[in-house]
Amino acid sequence: MDLEELFPSKPGDPLVELAKQDLDPISIEELHARIEALKAEIARVEAHIDRATKHRSAAEELFKK
């Protein structure tokens, strides 16, 4: 699977740029720090998904009546 399939091009999309970055010049310590930052971002996105799902469920319940 190619990067373009995973991350469709949007001008200036930081996720696309991040995925294309050459990791060779980055030290192991910096790579570990990058992983921790990405894990924190994943947790932030998952929390947002959870809030949005709860909000949608509440709205659907409200309008169901």
C-alpha atoms as a PDB file:
ATOM      1  CA  MET A   1       0.000   0.000   0.000  1.00  0.00           C
ATOM      2  CA  ASP A   2       1.394   3.333  -1.035  1.00  0.00           C
ATOM      3  CA  LEU A   3       1.444   6.518   1.084  1.00  0.00           C
ATOM      4  CA  GLU A   4      -0.941   8.267  -1.303  1.00  0.00           C
ATOM      5  CA  GLU A   5      -3.579   5.576  -0.655  1.00  0.00           C
ATOM      6  CA  LEU A   6      -3.187   5.863   3.118  1.00  0.00           C
ATOM      7  CA  PHE A   7      -3.005   9.630   3.214  1.00  0.00           C
ATOM      8  CA  PRO A   8      -4.749  11.298   0.257  1.00  0.00           C
ATOM      9  CA  SER A   9      -3.036  14.521  -0.719  1.00  0.00           C
ATOM     10  CA  LYS A  10      -4.234  17.740   0.794  1.00  0.00           C
ATOM     11  CA  PRO A  11      -1.995  20.734   0.299  1.00  0.00           C
ATOM     12  CA  GLY A  12       0.219  21.152   3.358  1.00  0.00           C
ATOM     13  CA  ASP A  13      -1.254  18.157   5.230  1.00  0.00           C
ATOM     14  CA  PRO A  14       1.155  17.656   8.167  1.00  0.00           C
ATOM     15  CA  LEU A  15       0.365  13.940   8.398  1.00  0.00           C
ATOM     16  CA  VAL A  16       1.458  13.390   4.795  1.00  0.00           C
ATOM     17  CA  GLU A  17       4.623  15.398   5.386  1.00  0.00           C
ATOM     18  CA  LEU A  18       5.367  13.477   8.578  1.00  0.00           C
ATOM     19  CA  ALA A  19       4.969  10.113   6.840  1.00  0.00           C
ATOM     20  CA  LYS A  20       7.355  11.169   4.075  1.00  0.00           C
ATOM     21  CA  GLN A  21      10.086  12.408   6.419  1.00  0.00           C
ATOM     22  CA  ASP A  22      13.448  10.605   6.193  1.00  0.00           C
ATOM     23  CA  LEU A  23      14.105   8.958   9.549  1.00  0.00           C
ATOM     24  CA  ASP A  24      17.778   8.117   8.880  1.00  0.00           C
ATOM     25  CA  PRO A  25      19.272  11.359  10.263  1.00  0.00           C
ATOM     26  CA  ILE A  26      17.180  11.206  13.458  1.00  0.00           C
ATOM     27  CA  SER A  27      18.821   9.788  16.601  1.00  0.00           C
ATOM     28  CA  ILE A  28      17.346   6.889  18.552  1.00  0.00           C
ATOM     29  CA  GLU A  29      16.515   9.229  21.453  1.00  0.00           C
ATOM     30  CA  GLU A  30      14.712  11.577  19.070  1.00  0.00           C
ATOM     31  CA  LEU A  31      12.838   8.630  17.548  1.00  0.00           C
ATOM     32  CA  HIS A  32      11.693   7.544  21.021  1.00  0.00           C
ATOM     33  CA  ALA A  33      10.547  11.106  21.750  1.00  0.00           C
ATOM     34  CA  ARG A  34       8.704  11.123  18.417  1.00  0.00           C
ATOM     35  CA  ILE A  35       6.937   7.869  19.312  1.00  0.00           C
ATOM     36  CA  GLU A  36       5.836   9.340  22.656  1.00  0.00           C
ATOM     37  CA  ALA A  37       4.535  12.465  20.931  1.00  0.00           C
ATOM     38  CA  LEU A  38       2.635  10.336  18.411  1.00  0.00           C
ATOM     39  CA  LYS A  39       1.151   8.202  21.213  1.00  0.00           C
ATOM     40  CA  ALA A  40      -0.023  11.390  22.942  1.00  0.00           C
ATOM     41  CA  GLU A  41      -1.595  12.577  19.686  1.00  0.00           C
ATOM     42  CA  ILE A  42      -3.324   9.204  19.224  1.00  0.00           C
ATOM     43  CA  ALA A  43      -4.750   9.475  22.758  1.00  0.00           C
ATOM     44  CA  ARG A  44      -5.966  13.014  22.015  1.00  0.00           C
ATOM     45  CA  VAL A  45      -7.675  11.905  18.800  1.00  0.00           C
ATOM     46  CA  GLU A  46      -9.243   8.864  20.500  1.00  0.00           C
ATOM     47  CA  ALA A  47     -10.613  11.112  23.271  1.00  0.00           C
ATOM     48  CA  HIS A  48     -12.077  13.428  20.635  1.00  0.00           C
ATOM     49  CA  ILE A  49     -13.694  10.472  18.838  1.00  0.00           C
ATOM     50  CA  ASP A  50     -15.169   9.310  22.145  1.00  0.00           C
ATOM     51  CA  ARG A  51     -16.618  12.776  22.890  1.00  0.00           C
ATOM     52  CA  ALA A  52     -18.008  13.081  19.359  1.00  0.00           C
ATOM     53  CA  THR A  53     -19.581   9.613  19.542  1.00  0.00           C
ATOM     54  CA  LYS A  54     -21.232  10.421  22.883  1.00  0.00           C
ATOM     55  CA  HIS A  55     -22.459  13.756  21.535  1.00  0.00           C
ATOM     56  CA  ARG A  56     -23.937  12.091  18.454  1.00  0.00           C
ATOM     57  CA  SER A  57     -25.638   9.422  20.574  1.00  0.00           C
ATOM     58  CA  ALA A  58     -27.134  12.079  22.843  1.00  0.00           C
ATOM     59  CA  ALA A  59     -28.417  14.048  19.843  1.00  0.00           C
ATOM     60  CA  GLU A  60     -29.906  10.930  18.258  1.00  0.00           C
ATOM     61  CA  GLU A  61     -31.653  10.093  21.538  1.00  0.00           C
ATOM     62  CA  LEU A  62     -33.025  13.625  21.823  1.00  0.00           C
ATOM     63  CA  PHE A  63     -34.463  13.656  18.310  1.00  0.00           C
ATOM     64  CA  LYS A  64     -35.759  10.099  18.520  1.00  0.00           C
ATOM     65  CA  LYS A  65     -38.515  11.138  20.929  1.00  0.00           C
END
